[in-house]
Amino acid sequence: MSKINGDKARFHKARKEKIERRERYRKMFESLAGKGTKSAAKTAK
């Protein structure tokens, strides 16, 4: 690992995982809200 780049690759991988996780949760909550469940609609907001 170089001093200049540091942990750039590891942090980039973690960042991409977070973004993908957010998108998955967003899709899941949207699909649950579409079914008409009140609790899912509240948590999606």
N, C-alpha and C. Protein backbone atom coordinates (compact mmCIF):
# COMPACT_ATOMS: atom_id res chain seq x y z
N MET A 1 0.85 -1.17 0.00
CA MET A 1 0.00 0.00 0.00
C MET A 1 0.90 1.24 0.00
N SER A 2 0.57 2.16 -0.86
CA SER A 2 1.40 3.35 -0.95
C SER A 2 0.92 4.44 -0.01
N LYS A 3 1.82 5.36 0.31
CA LYS A 3 1.44 6.49 1.16
C LYS A 3 0.48 7.43 0.43
N ILE A 4 0.67 7.55 -0.87
CA ILE A 4 -0.14 8.50 -1.64
C ILE A 4 -1.59 8.02 -1.76
N ASN A 5 -1.77 6.75 -2.14
CA ASN A 5 -3.13 6.24 -2.37
C ASN A 5 -3.81 5.72 -1.12
N GLY A 6 -3.05 5.28 -0.14
CA GLY A 6 -3.64 4.81 1.10
C GLY A 6 -4.60 3.66 0.90
N ASP A 7 -5.75 3.73 1.54
CA ASP A 7 -6.75 2.67 1.46
C ASP A 7 -7.84 3.01 0.44
N LYS A 8 -7.47 3.67 -0.61
CA LYS A 8 -8.44 4.16 -1.58
C LYS A 8 -9.32 3.03 -2.14
N ALA A 9 -8.71 1.90 -2.49
CA ALA A 9 -9.47 0.80 -3.07
C ALA A 9 -10.45 0.22 -2.06
N ARG A 10 -10.02 0.07 -0.83
CA ARG A 10 -10.89 -0.50 0.20
C ARG A 10 -12.07 0.43 0.49
N PHE A 11 -11.82 1.72 0.58
CA PHE A 11 -12.89 2.66 0.87
C PHE A 11 -13.85 2.77 -0.31
N HIS A 12 -13.31 2.67 -1.53
CA HIS A 12 -14.18 2.73 -2.71
C HIS A 12 -15.11 1.53 -2.73
N LYS A 13 -14.58 0.36 -2.38
CA LYS A 13 -15.40 -0.85 -2.35
C LYS A 13 -16.50 -0.73 -1.29
N ALA A 14 -16.15 -0.21 -0.12
CA ALA A 14 -17.13 -0.03 0.94
C ALA A 14 -18.19 0.99 0.53
N ARG A 15 -17.78 2.04 -0.17
CA ARG A 15 -18.71 3.07 -0.62
C ARG A 15 -19.71 2.49 -1.62
N LYS A 16 -19.21 1.67 -2.56
CA LYS A 16 -20.09 1.05 -3.54
C LYS A 16 -21.07 0.10 -2.87
N GLU A 17 -20.61 -0.63 -1.86
CA GLU A 17 -21.50 -1.55 -1.14
C GLU A 17 -22.61 -0.78 -0.43
N LYS A 18 -22.27 0.36 0.17
CA LYS A 18 -23.27 1.17 0.85
C LYS A 18 -24.32 1.68 -0.13
N ILE A 19 -23.86 2.14 -1.29
CA ILE A 19 -24.78 2.67 -2.31
C ILE A 19 -25.72 1.57 -2.79
N GLU A 20 -25.17 0.38 -3.05
CA GLU A 20 -25.99 -0.74 -3.50
C GLU A 20 -26.99 -1.16 -2.44
N ARG A 21 -26.57 -1.15 -1.18
CA ARG A 21 -27.45 -1.52 -0.07
C ARG A 21 -28.61 -0.53 0.03
N ARG A 22 -28.30 0.76 -0.11
CA ARG A 22 -29.34 1.80 -0.07
C ARG A 22 -30.37 1.59 -1.18
N GLU A 23 -29.87 1.28 -2.38
CA GLU A 23 -30.78 1.07 -3.51
C GLU A 23 -31.66 -0.15 -3.29
N ARG A 24 -31.09 -1.22 -2.73
CA ARG A 24 -31.88 -2.42 -2.45
C ARG A 24 -32.97 -2.12 -1.43
N TYR A 25 -32.62 -1.42 -0.35
CA TYR A 25 -33.61 -1.08 0.67
C TYR A 25 -34.69 -0.18 0.10
N ARG A 26 -34.29 0.77 -0.72
CA ARG A 26 -35.26 1.70 -1.31
C ARG A 26 -36.27 0.93 -2.16
N LYS A 27 -35.78 0.00 -3.00
CA LYS A 27 -36.67 -0.79 -3.84
C LYS A 27 -37.60 -1.66 -2.99
N MET A 28 -37.04 -2.25 -1.93
CA MET A 28 -37.83 -3.10 -1.06
C MET A 28 -38.95 -2.30 -0.40
N PHE A 29 -38.64 -1.13 0.14
CA PHE A 29 -39.66 -0.31 0.79
C PHE A 29 -40.70 0.19 -0.19
N GLU A 30 -40.27 0.52 -1.41
CA GLU A 30 -41.23 0.96 -2.42
C GLU A 30 -42.20 -0.16 -2.77
N SER A 31 -41.69 -1.38 -2.89
CA SER A 31 -42.56 -2.50 -3.22
C SER A 31 -43.51 -2.81 -2.07
N LEU A 32 -43.03 -2.68 -0.84
CA LEU A 32 -43.90 -2.91 0.31
C LEU A 32 -44.95 -1.82 0.43
N ALA A 33 -44.58 -0.59 0.14
CA ALA A 33 -45.52 0.53 0.22
C ALA A 33 -46.59 0.38 -0.87
N GLY A 34 -46.21 -0.18 -2.00
CA GLY A 34 -47.15 -0.37 -3.09
C GLY A 34 -48.22 -1.40 -2.76
N LYS A 35 -47.92 -2.32 -1.84
CA LYS A 35 -48.88 -3.35 -1.46
C LYS A 35 -49.94 -2.81 -0.51
N GLY A 36 -49.72 -1.61 0.04
CA GLY A 36 -50.72 -0.99 0.88
C GLY A 36 -50.52 -1.23 2.36
N THR A 37 -49.33 -1.63 2.78
CA THR A 37 -49.10 -1.82 4.20
C THR A 37 -48.75 -0.46 4.81
N LYS A 38 -49.39 -0.14 5.91
CA LYS A 38 -49.19 1.16 6.53
C LYS A 38 -47.82 1.29 7.15
N SER A 39 -47.32 0.25 7.81
CA SER A 39 -46.04 0.34 8.50
C SER A 39 -44.89 0.53 7.52
N ALA A 40 -44.95 -0.14 6.38
CA ALA A 40 -43.89 0.01 5.39
C ALA A 40 -43.90 1.41 4.78
N ALA A 41 -45.08 1.97 4.61
CA ALA A 41 -45.18 3.31 4.04
C ALA A 41 -44.58 4.34 5.00
N LYS A 42 -44.78 4.13 6.30
CA LYS A 42 -44.23 5.07 7.27
C LYS A 42 -42.71 4.98 7.32
N THR A 43 -42.16 3.76 7.26
CA THR A 43 -40.71 3.61 7.35
C THR A 43 -40.02 4.03 6.07
N ALA A 44 -40.72 3.99 4.95
CA ALA A 44 -40.12 4.38 3.68
C ALA A 44 -39.90 5.89 3.60
N LYS A 45 -40.68 6.64 4.35
CA LYS A 45 -40.54 8.10 4.30
C LYS A 45 -39.40 8.55 5.05
